[in-house]
Every structure is written in C-alpha cells, then in structure tokens.
Amino acid sequence: MYGKSRPFASPRSVEGVSEPIVVEVRRNGVVEAQHRVHAVAVRGGEIVASVGDPQLVCFMRSSSKPIQALPLVRARDDLAEDEIAIACASHRDTAEQVAAARKHLAHADATEGDLELGLEEGRPPQKIHHNCSGKHAGMLALCRAHGWATEGYRLPDHPVQQACRDAHAEAAEMDDFVTATDGCGVVTFALPLWRMAHAYARLESLPGGDRIAAAMRARPDLVGGPDGADFLLMRAVPGWLAKGGAEGLLCAAGPDGLGVVLKSEDGASRPHSPALAAFLGRLGIDLPALAETPVLNSRGELVGRVVALPLAPGDAGDVEAEHR
C-alpha cells in the first residue's frame, strides 16, 4: 500500500513565489510567441528550488507512465528492457517502437483486438500504432499475471486502474486525487507539481522502480522521439530519466534523488528544452544542447529559435551550490 499524506516544505513564502520562466520564439529578432513555464525541484521531500507556482495542480497524463508501470514490473519479472521501456513510452510510431509494442503485446498473450484504445489521427488505422499502445500492452500483461479479466481494464473500478492509483499514492505519498479520463481511455491523476516531482524523485527507490529507470535510460529511443525534451535530457546527461505528458508537462529525475517538473501554462511542449536548461542551469547542471531549439522552415533552413529569457538572481532559489 502507500503512505499517508504528510506535510511538505512549501515555497519560501507565498509572497516570494517568482514569475514563471519565459520562453520566447524569435524569428529574425522579432518575438513571435511567448510561453510561461512553471518549474519545481524536490529532494528528500523538500522543495529545493522553484520558479512560478510549485503548488499548481494539473493532470499527469503520459508523465504517469513510469509510475503506471510499477504494478507491471512487480508482477512480471520476465519482461525485457525494451518491453518495460515501451510500456513507459509515448512512441512516435517508428518501426522499432511498434516492434517493441507488438513484442510486449504477444508476451501478454493478447492481440490488438484486446487493446482498449482508439485509432490515432495521422497514423495507420491499427491500434498498435497509437502512441500509448505499449502502456496498454503492459496493462494487459498485468491482467494476465494476476488472472484478472482483460475486458474493461481501462475503467476506474478495474484492478489495473486501482493498482495504478495505488502506485501514484505510494510514489507521491498522498491519498487523495482528482481523476479524469486520459486521451487513451485510462485513468489520469491530478497532483500539485511538487508532488509529481517528489514521486519522480522516489521512483527509482521504490520496489521495481530501479528496473523502470534502467530501461528508460537504456532505451530513450523507445520512450519518445529525438526532438522531445525527455529524450534529449536522457541522452545529454547520464543517470537522468524523463517523461513528457500532454498539455505541456515534463517530469524528470536525476541520479541523486532530485525530482524535477515543468509545466507550460499554454499546454505547449515547445518551450520544454530551453526552460529545462535554464532551470537546471541554476542548479549547476549544464545543458547546452537543450538551451536553444531551432525553428526550421519546410526546406529545413534555420529561420528562428526558441530560447528562455535569463532567470533573475534568486528566481530558482539560492541553492545552486548544493547541486554542484
């Protein structure tokens, strides 16, 4: 089961909460758009740095996938690294990703007809091509491990979704969630940003969490795509794991027990890489490859860039030295 909710460190003061990170989209020196990004870092149950509102509540969406995989890896010790990674993925429909999803589905003794998700626009008209097919294959594998009925595994009262709820409660150390239905049909959970960061900080230390972390670090190419901030972070810095979610969410964890969450106010993922570089840079983690995202035209020519404005002194908390 999971622990009871307990008090956490709050931001240093409500009055002291800073403005979110501002990320600009620039073309030939003209600002075409701005994104505002909230960010928080947690270690050992304490907020160690924040920009914007660390208590902002939103749904975890696909950032939940590594946590949703906890009941799966605890029930199945026969899963290969690629099967665990694809269960945590929002895949881009590459041949290798689809092959991993098919492998995981076959290992679950299930077929595409058992997948309780719809078709994804812009992709071939088979359920296996949906970006969440690996997660759903894992949920079917969990059913097989426990002898649960597979029909309705996506519904809130099914043991699969109850197990996922308990995994979130365990990781975040909180008992109460607002829930809703995710885009692929399963349950999604709403948490404050700092609770999400705490959950990611704890993930690898939880039973089975080490297998999930190892699989994601080994196969970021299965977890996402080459332009995603989660993929780029896992490739750029050894020991990190990360997973993006819909509506502008990004959750990550470092090898030293640091959990980090970013949330774009407008739901865009475009500002994640520059915002992550700006925020982690204040914590002594240098990410030059993520600091600027190119804007390309249809000819592949560089026509602009996406970049975060410099943080004001103290914006992320005066804690840089502690992470160097």
Foldseek 3Di string as FASTA:
>chain_A
DAAAADDAAAPPDPVPAAWFWWKFWDFPRDTPDIWGKWKWKDFPRYTFWIHHHQQDKDWCALQLQLLLCQLLCVLDVPDDLLLLLLLSALEPQDPVLLVSLVVLLVLLVHDQVLQQFAADPPDPRGSSSGSNSSNSSSLSSSCSSVVHDSPPSQDCVGPSNVSSLVSLCRLLVYDDWDWDAHNGGHIITMGRNVSLQSSQLCQCVDVVSVSSQVSCLVCVNNRYHPPALQSLVSVQDPAKGKHARFQAKIWIYGNVSMIMIMHIPRRDRVQVLLSVQQLVVLQVDHDVVSQKAFDADPVRDGRIIMHIDHDDPCSTHNNNVVRD
